Amino acid sequence: MDFNRVKEVLNSNQEIPVHYHGDPVWIESIEDTSSMALISNQGNHGEKQLVSIDALQEARKNNV
């Protein structure tokens, strides 16, 4: 994902699915100066990790 899209997702009132290495995650915050995002797994908000925003992928909903 790019930096601006990550900001949009973080500030959205809607839940927008995001994945990190195929796992669904929540974006907790972003660091403007380093292009890093603090994320947590959707199933375990206690474990957080700092990752590059380039590694995040917006999940697409299947309409099939």
Protein backbone atom coordinates (compact mmCIF):
# COMPACT_ATOMS: atom_id res chain seq x y z
CA MET A 1 0.00 0.00 0.00
CA ASP A 2 1.12 3.55 -0.38
CA PHE A 3 1.40 6.03 2.47
CA ASN A 4 -1.69 8.07 1.54
CA ARG A 5 -3.91 4.98 1.30
CA VAL A 6 -2.71 3.75 4.70
CA LYS A 7 -3.66 7.16 6.16
CA GLU A 8 -7.11 6.91 4.52
CA VAL A 9 -7.66 3.42 5.94
CA LEU A 10 -6.52 4.49 9.39
CA ASN A 11 -8.83 7.53 9.40
CA SER A 12 -11.83 5.83 7.79
CA ASN A 13 -15.10 5.34 9.65
CA GLN A 14 -15.54 2.07 7.77
CA GLU A 15 -13.67 -1.16 8.39
CA ILE A 16 -11.32 -1.66 5.46
CA PRO A 17 -9.66 -5.08 5.44
CA VAL A 18 -5.85 -5.01 5.37
CA HIS A 19 -3.44 -7.95 5.29
CA TYR A 20 0.21 -8.34 6.24
CA HIS A 21 1.82 -11.43 4.70
CA GLY A 22 -1.67 -12.85 4.11
CA ASP A 23 -2.88 -12.34 7.69
CA PRO A 24 -5.66 -9.85 8.53
CA VAL A 25 -4.38 -6.96 10.63
CA TRP A 26 -5.46 -3.67 12.19
CA ILE A 27 -3.41 -0.56 11.51
CA GLU A 28 -2.88 1.01 14.92
CA SER A 29 -0.84 4.04 13.80
CA ILE A 30 1.62 5.26 11.21
CA GLU A 31 4.93 7.07 11.49
CA ASP A 32 5.03 9.95 9.03
CA THR A 33 8.80 10.26 9.05
CA SER A 34 9.71 6.62 8.44
CA SER A 35 6.81 5.21 6.35
CA MET A 36 6.27 2.53 8.97
CA ALA A 37 2.98 1.34 10.45
CA LEU A 38 2.24 -0.15 13.85
CA ILE A 39 -0.07 -3.12 13.31
CA SER A 40 -1.71 -5.87 15.32
CA ASN A 41 -3.26 -9.14 14.22
CA GLN A 42 -7.04 -9.00 14.22
CA GLY A 43 -7.22 -11.99 16.55
CA ASN A 44 -4.62 -10.70 19.00
CA HIS A 45 -4.47 -6.94 19.58
CA GLY A 46 -1.91 -7.42 22.38
CA GLU A 47 0.92 -8.25 19.99
CA LYS A 48 1.96 -5.26 17.92
CA GLN A 49 4.72 -4.93 15.38
CA LEU A 50 6.24 -2.13 13.35
CA VAL A 51 6.26 -2.88 9.61
CA SER A 52 6.90 -1.07 6.36
CA ILE A 53 3.69 0.26 4.80
CA ASP A 54 4.90 -1.27 1.51
CA ALA A 55 4.30 -4.72 3.05
CA LEU A 56 0.61 -4.00 3.76
CA GLN A 57 -2.03 -5.04 1.24
CA GLU A 58 -5.61 -3.91 1.06
CA ALA A 59 -7.81 -6.99 0.94
CA ARG A 60 -10.32 -7.12 -1.88
CA LYS A 61 -13.82 -8.34 -1.17
CA ASN A 62 -14.92 -11.13 -3.50
CA ASN A 63 -18.21 -10.42 -5.18
CA VAL A 64 -18.48 -13.90 -6.71
